[in-house]
Protein backbone atom coordinates (compact mmCIF):
# COMPACT_ATOMS: atom_id res chain seq x y z
CA MET A 1 0.08 -0.23 -0.14
CA GLU A 2 2.63 2.50 0.86
CA SER A 3 4.44 2.04 -2.60
CA GLU A 4 0.57 3.36 -4.17
CA ARG A 5 1.24 6.49 -1.78
CA GLY A 6 2.93 9.30 -2.01
CA ILE A 7 3.47 12.93 -0.98
CA GLY A 8 0.53 15.62 -2.19
CA HIS A 9 -2.72 14.67 -3.77
CA ILE A 10 -3.96 11.05 -4.85
CA ALA A 11 -4.81 11.21 -8.46
CA GLY A 12 -9.00 11.01 -8.59
CA VAL A 13 -9.87 12.30 -5.06
CA ALA A 14 -10.77 15.82 -4.99
CA PRO A 15 -10.62 17.90 -1.60
CA GLY A 16 -14.22 17.49 -0.14
CA ALA A 17 -14.26 13.95 -0.43
CA ILE A 18 -16.66 11.53 2.26
CA PHE A 19 -15.58 8.15 3.54
CA HIS A 20 -17.97 6.68 5.32
CA ARG A 21 -14.80 4.54 7.97
CA ARG A 22 -11.03 4.78 8.43
CA ALA A 23 -10.91 1.54 6.16
CA ASP A 24 -12.70 3.71 3.35
CA VAL A 25 -9.90 6.47 3.70
CA LEU A 26 -7.02 3.59 3.53
CA ARG A 27 -8.14 1.97 0.45
CA ALA A 28 -8.81 5.83 -1.25
CA LYS A 29 -4.50 5.82 -0.69
CA LEU A 30 -5.43 9.00 1.47
CA HIS A 31 -3.20 7.28 5.15
CA GLY A 32 -1.66 4.68 5.94
CA ASP A 33 -2.91 3.01 8.31
CA GLN A 34 -6.29 2.72 10.52
CA GLN A 35 -5.53 3.68 13.79
CA ARG A 36 -3.10 5.65 14.18
CA GLY A 37 -3.07 9.31 13.46
CA ILE A 38 0.36 10.02 11.65
CA SER A 39 0.65 8.45 8.03
CA THR A 40 4.14 7.94 7.09
CA LEU A 41 6.03 6.51 3.87
CA ARG A 42 9.74 6.15 2.66
CA ASP A 43 11.18 9.54 0.81
CA PRO A 44 13.38 8.60 -2.09
CA ASP A 45 16.49 8.81 -0.16
CA GLY A 46 14.53 6.12 2.61
CA SER A 47 13.92 8.20 5.21
CA ARG A 48 10.30 8.39 6.37
CA VAL A 49 8.20 11.28 6.29
CA ALA A 50 4.60 12.22 6.61
CA ASP A 51 2.19 12.27 4.15
CA ALA A 52 -1.02 12.61 5.83
CA ILE A 53 -2.42 13.23 9.61
CA VAL A 54 -6.28 12.70 10.76
CA LEU A 55 -7.71 15.14 12.80
CA ASN A 56 -10.38 13.16 15.02
CA GLY A 57 -9.96 14.40 18.59
CA GLY A 58 -6.60 13.31 19.63
CA TYR A 59 -5.35 15.29 21.99
CA GLU A 60 -6.92 18.43 24.37
CA ASP A 61 -4.07 20.56 23.17
CA ASP A 62 -5.08 20.20 19.45
CA GLU A 63 -6.90 23.32 18.00
CA ASP A 64 -8.92 23.43 14.73
CA HIS A 65 -9.43 26.48 12.77
CA TRP A 66 -9.57 25.42 9.13
CA THR A 67 -7.27 27.34 7.49
CA TRP A 68 -5.11 26.50 10.10
CA VAL A 69 -4.16 24.11 12.53
CA ARG A 70 -2.47 23.38 15.86
CA TYR A 71 -1.83 19.61 16.31
CA THR A 72 0.29 17.42 18.58
CA GLY A 73 2.34 14.78 17.69
CA ALA A 74 2.46 11.35 18.77
CA SER A 75 2.90 9.26 21.23
CA PRO A 76 2.92 5.19 22.53
CA ASP A 77 -0.31 3.58 24.10
CA LYS A 78 0.93 3.75 26.95
CA ASP A 79 1.90 7.36 27.84
CA ARG A 80 -1.59 8.69 26.68
CA ASP A 81 -5.16 8.31 28.63
CA THR A 82 -7.58 7.84 25.63
CA LEU A 83 -10.29 8.31 27.31
CA THR A 84 -9.44 12.17 28.77
CA LYS A 85 -7.15 12.62 25.51
CA LYS A 86 -4.43 13.71 28.01
CA LEU A 87 -0.76 12.89 28.04
CA LEU A 88 0.74 10.77 31.15
CA ARG A 89 3.86 11.88 30.12
CA SER A 90 6.43 14.19 27.75
CA GLN A 91 6.47 13.34 23.70
CA SER A 92 9.67 12.61 22.47
CA TRP A 93 10.79 13.65 18.80
CA SER A 94 12.54 10.54 18.61
CA TYR A 95 9.44 8.93 18.44
CA ALA A 96 8.72 7.76 14.71
CA ASP A 97 5.98 9.49 13.24
CA ASN A 98 6.63 13.27 15.31
CA ALA A 99 10.20 12.38 13.95
CA ALA A 100 8.75 12.14 10.40
CA LEU A 101 6.46 14.95 10.45
CA LYS A 102 9.04 17.45 11.91
CA LEU A 103 11.23 15.54 9.00
CA SER A 104 8.44 16.42 5.75
CA HIS A 105 8.60 20.43 7.95
CA GLU A 106 12.26 19.89 7.14
CA ARG A 107 11.91 19.13 3.28
CA LYS A 108 8.80 21.62 2.42
CA HIS A 109 6.78 18.59 2.17
CA PRO A 110 2.48 19.37 2.27
CA VAL A 111 0.50 17.01 3.92
CA ARG A 112 -2.98 15.90 3.23
CA ILE A 113 -5.18 16.37 6.40
CA VAL A 114 -8.76 14.17 6.82
CA ARG A 115 -10.87 15.63 9.19
CA GLY A 116 -13.05 13.06 10.75
CA TYR A 117 -16.30 13.00 12.90
CA LYS A 118 -14.89 13.02 16.28
CA GLY A 119 -12.89 16.47 15.34
CA ASP A 120 -13.98 19.96 16.09
CA GLU A 121 -17.53 20.03 15.39
CA ARG A 122 -17.37 23.20 13.76
CA TYR A 123 -16.19 21.44 10.73
CA SER A 124 -16.47 17.70 10.87
CA LEU A 125 -19.44 15.35 9.51
CA ARG A 126 -21.67 13.53 11.82
CA ASP A 127 -20.89 9.91 10.88
CA HIS A 128 -17.99 10.01 7.91
CA TYR A 129 -14.83 11.09 7.07
CA ARG A 130 -13.30 13.72 4.76
CA TYR A 131 -10.52 14.79 2.86
CA ASP A 132 -9.95 18.62 3.29
CA GLY A 133 -6.71 19.08 1.06
CA LEU A 134 -3.20 19.85 1.48
CA TYR A 135 -1.91 22.00 4.39
CA GLU A 136 2.19 22.72 4.49
CA ILE A 137 4.07 22.56 7.80
CA ALA A 138 4.47 26.22 9.22
CA VAL A 139 6.00 25.86 12.91
CA VAL A 140 7.28 23.09 14.84
CA ARG A 141 8.02 23.73 18.59
CA THR A 142 8.13 22.03 21.81
CA ALA A 143 5.31 23.15 24.08
CA THR A 144 4.36 22.62 27.20
CA SER A 145 0.92 20.25 27.30
CA LYS A 146 -2.25 22.55 29.28
CA SER A 147 -2.73 19.45 32.15
CA PRO A 148 0.43 18.09 33.76
CA ALA A 149 1.34 14.80 34.53
CA PRO A 150 -0.10 12.78 37.22
CA ASP A 151 2.51 13.51 39.81
CA GLY A 152 1.93 17.20 38.86
CA THR A 153 5.41 17.95 36.92
CA ASP A 154 4.75 19.56 32.98
CA ILE A 155 4.23 17.49 30.31
CA LEU A 156 6.10 18.71 26.89
CA ILE A 157 4.80 18.02 23.74
CA CYS A 158 5.83 17.84 19.69
CA GLN A 159 3.52 20.72 18.77
CA PHE A 160 3.04 21.58 14.70
CA ASP A 161 1.38 24.65 12.98
CA LEU A 162 -0.09 23.74 9.46
CA HIS A 163 -1.21 26.20 7.37
CA ARG A 164 -3.98 25.26 4.41
CA LEU A 165 -2.05 25.77 1.04
CA PRO A 166 -3.91 28.16 -1.24
CA ASP A 167 -6.44 27.79 -3.43
CA SER A 168 -4.56 28.23 -6.74
CA GLN A 169 -2.34 24.91 -5.19
CA GLN A 170 -5.72 23.08 -4.34
CA GLN A 171 -6.19 20.18 -6.74
CA VAL A 172 -8.03 21.76 -9.83
CA THR A 173 -11.00 19.04 -11.01
CA GLN A 174 -10.77 17.86 -14.77
CA VAL A 175 -14.04 20.53 -15.58
CA GLU A 176 -12.02 23.10 -14.25
CA LYS A 177 -8.99 22.08 -16.24
CA ARG A 178 -11.04 22.04 -19.14
CA ILE A 179 -12.53 25.43 -18.82
CA ALA A 180 -8.91 26.50 -18.46
CA GLU A 181 -8.80 25.56 -22.01
CA LEU A 182 -11.10 26.47 -23.19
CA LEU A 183 -10.42 29.91 -21.65
CA GLU A 184 -7.15 30.08 -22.88
CA GLN A 185 -7.88 29.18 -26.47
CA GLY A 186 -11.13 31.81 -26.65
CA GLU A 187 -13.53 29.71 -27.01
CA LEU A 188 -15.44 30.85 -24.01
CA ASP A 189 -16.29 34.11 -22.20
CA GLY A 190 -15.96 34.20 -18.50
CA ASP A 191 -20.33 35.11 -18.71
CA ASP A 192 -20.70 31.31 -19.99
CA VAL A 193 -19.04 29.74 -17.13
CA GLU A 194 -21.75 29.74 -14.47
CA LYS A 195 -20.40 30.30 -11.11
CA ILE A 196 -17.05 30.19 -11.93
CA PRO A 197 -15.28 33.66 -11.07
CA GLU A 198 -14.24 35.39 -14.30
CA THR A 199 -10.50 35.06 -15.26
CA ARG A 200 -7.81 36.53 -18.45
CA THR A 201 -5.31 33.99 -16.92
CA THR A 202 -4.18 30.57 -18.41
CA GLN A 203 -5.49 28.97 -15.33
CA VAL A 204 -8.96 29.12 -14.45
CA GLN A 205 -8.13 31.04 -10.35
CA ARG A 206 -11.08 30.49 -7.62
CA LEU A 207 -11.81 29.73 -4.64
CA VAL A 208 -11.70 25.78 -3.97
CA ARG A 209 -15.89 25.52 -3.01
CA ASP A 210 -16.82 22.17 -2.18
CA ALA A 211 -19.39 21.36 -4.94
CA ALA A 212 -19.25 17.84 -3.44
CA ALA A 213 -20.39 19.48 -0.07
CA ALA A 214 -23.01 21.48 -1.59
CA ARG A 215 -24.62 18.40 -3.82
CA ARG A 216 -24.57 16.75 -0.68
CA ILE A 217 -27.01 19.63 1.00
CA LYS A 218 -28.86 20.35 -1.23
CA ASP A 219 -29.76 16.49 -2.53
CA LEU A 220 -30.87 16.58 1.43
CA TYR A 221 -33.47 19.17 1.51
CA ASP A 222 -33.95 17.44 -2.61
CA GLY A 223 -33.73 21.25 -3.73
CA ARG A 224 -35.98 23.20 -1.56
CA CYS A 225 -35.42 26.28 -0.33
CA GLN A 226 -34.29 26.68 3.19
CA ALA A 227 -35.34 29.84 4.17
CA CYS A 228 -38.53 30.39 1.84
CA ASN A 229 -39.27 26.79 0.86
CA VAL A 230 -39.55 27.25 -3.07
CA ARG A 231 -38.26 24.23 -4.87
CA LEU A 232 -37.59 25.50 -8.85
CA VAL A 233 -38.15 22.31 -11.17
CA GLY A 234 -36.55 23.31 -14.57
CA PRO A 235 -38.30 21.65 -18.16
CA ASP A 236 -35.87 18.39 -17.37
CA GLY A 237 -37.84 18.08 -13.77
CA LYS A 238 -34.64 18.43 -11.69
CA PRO A 239 -34.47 20.69 -8.82
CA TYR A 240 -32.70 24.22 -8.82
CA SER A 241 -30.72 25.70 -5.97
CA GLU A 242 -27.34 26.82 -4.75
CA GLY A 243 -24.95 26.10 -2.08
CA ALA A 244 -24.80 29.46 0.04
CA HIS A 245 -22.38 29.50 2.65
CA ILE A 246 -23.01 31.69 5.86
CA LYS A 247 -19.75 32.48 6.68
CA PRO A 248 -18.56 33.22 3.34
CA LEU A 249 -15.40 31.61 2.03
CA GLY A 250 -12.38 34.30 1.26
CA ASN A 251 -11.15 37.39 2.51
CA PRO A 252 -12.25 38.94 5.16
CA HIS A 253 -13.90 36.58 6.39
CA GLY A 254 -12.44 32.88 6.14
CA GLY A 255 -15.66 30.73 6.10
CA PRO A 256 -15.25 27.14 6.06
CA ASP A 257 -16.06 24.94 2.21
CA VAL A 258 -18.11 22.47 4.73
CA GLU A 259 -21.67 21.32 5.22
CA ARG A 260 -22.61 22.85 8.45
CA ASN A 261 -21.46 25.95 7.19
CA ILE A 262 -23.82 25.51 3.63
CA LEU A 263 -27.66 26.37 3.19
CA CYS A 264 -29.56 24.92 0.17
CA LEU A 265 -31.65 28.01 -0.82
CA CYS A 266 -33.00 29.61 -3.89
CA PRO A 267 -31.16 32.08 -5.88
CA ASN A 268 -33.34 35.07 -4.12
CA CYS A 269 -32.93 33.74 -0.92
CA HIS A 270 -28.86 33.22 -1.70
CA VAL A 271 -28.59 36.76 -2.73
CA ARG A 272 -31.03 38.05 0.59
CA LEU A 273 -28.48 36.19 2.29
CA ASP A 274 -24.92 37.61 0.88
CA LEU A 275 -26.42 41.03 1.32
CA GLY A 276 -27.68 40.92 4.67
CA SER A 277 -30.84 41.51 3.72
CA ILE A 278 -31.93 38.41 5.66
CA LEU A 279 -30.46 37.00 9.23
CA ILE A 280 -30.75 34.16 11.77
CA GLU A 281 -31.36 34.19 14.94
CA ASP A 282 -30.08 31.32 17.26
CA ASP A 283 -33.59 29.61 17.15
CA TRP A 284 -33.13 29.32 13.80
CA SER A 285 -35.87 32.35 13.27
CA ILE A 286 -35.56 34.46 10.00
CA VAL A 287 -35.06 37.95 10.61
CA VAL A 288 -35.88 40.80 7.40
CA ARG A 289 -34.10 43.46 7.48
CA SER A 290 -34.17 47.00 6.16
CA GLY A 291 -34.22 46.75 2.69
CA GLY A 292 -36.29 43.16 2.53
CA GLU A 293 -39.37 44.20 3.19
CA GLY A 294 -41.98 42.28 1.08
CA ALA A 295 -39.94 39.08 0.97
CA SER A 296 -41.83 36.41 1.46
CA VAL A 297 -39.73 34.02 3.77
CA LEU A 298 -40.43 31.06 6.38
CA PRO A 299 -40.66 32.26 10.38
CA LYS A 300 -37.89 30.13 10.82
CA LEU A 301 -35.20 28.43 8.78
CA THR A 302 -36.04 24.74 7.62
CA VAL A 303 -33.17 22.87 9.45
CA LYS A 304 -33.16 18.73 8.98
CA ARG A 305 -31.06 17.03 12.00
CA GLU A 306 -28.92 15.97 10.00
CA HIS A 307 -27.65 18.79 8.49
CA ARG A 308 -26.34 19.99 11.82
CA VAL A 309 -25.40 23.62 11.07
CA HIS A 310 -23.35 25.43 13.64
CA LEU A 311 -24.48 28.09 15.41
CA ASP A 312 -21.14 29.92 15.24
CA TYR A 313 -21.11 30.59 11.39
CA VAL A 314 -25.04 31.53 11.94
CA ARG A 315 -23.55 33.94 14.38
CA TYR A 316 -20.75 35.63 12.52
CA HIS A 317 -23.36 36.09 9.94
CA ARG A 318 -25.52 37.64 11.88
CA LYS A 319 -22.53 40.25 14.32
CA TRP A 320 -21.31 41.43 10.66
CA TRP A 321 -24.07 42.46 9.23
CA ARG A 322 -25.74 44.08 12.33
CA ASN A 323 -22.59 45.82 13.06
CA GLY A 324 -23.16 47.54 9.30
CA SER A 325 -20.38 45.94 7.63
CA LYS A 326 -20.28 45.41 3.79
CA TYR A 327 -18.49 42.76 1.96
């Protein structure tokens, strides 16, 4: 299996792909182990480096902010309490997995990040794993854990800060490659490519929007708008809806491209959300603001149990617009 993996993207597996179990992640060649957090392989010179990590609620010192992650290294089973996620003794840089991740930092190898269902609830799926793209290891340090050892002494940990690579360095899909070719040949105008930001360069420059995540949310609601209950159907009998990000992607917002930050909306309600014409309260009540009078919306947002929209994004959107900010 190791010989079939490598550093960087795995052909045919785009960021946003989901997997039911760790065994499926292993079969997709995204990670080399069904249990360990750090996946390693041999570099051409024979040195062992890290190619991927799984974020699945490993240690109390871990932090996940989507665009950057603070990750605690690995320890033998005897050195940790799996129930409390606390370490019993200090970690070592000589431990194979930590040494491999450190060497990847030194060699500037990106690593694949897979988020599991036990990870940060803002980003994790309910019962699946998701491949979330490439991250660079920006900082390696020895840090002190939040909790001391059973005897009261400090526990030192191997700590890594990882930053998500720019959108241009995330995998480009076959569709986007074709669009880039057509744009280069002059066979397409930017307006002809629905939902692809207009570009005049030879490559498609875009925010990497997880089309798969948006599609999963739209399928969950069968194309019915969560805000107004409208279900648009085309002549072909297929529903049309849009995946709307509550906390917007890109600067200055930095919203994540995950299911918990996406709503299934009709085009009108998508624009209303993006303009701040409607706000959503913590109890899912929809507030129609000045400038949105006459908009026919439901008293409350429709939210299915499987969706699990996270309130952090709803609160961010509400605070942004109530403070009078503009995009």
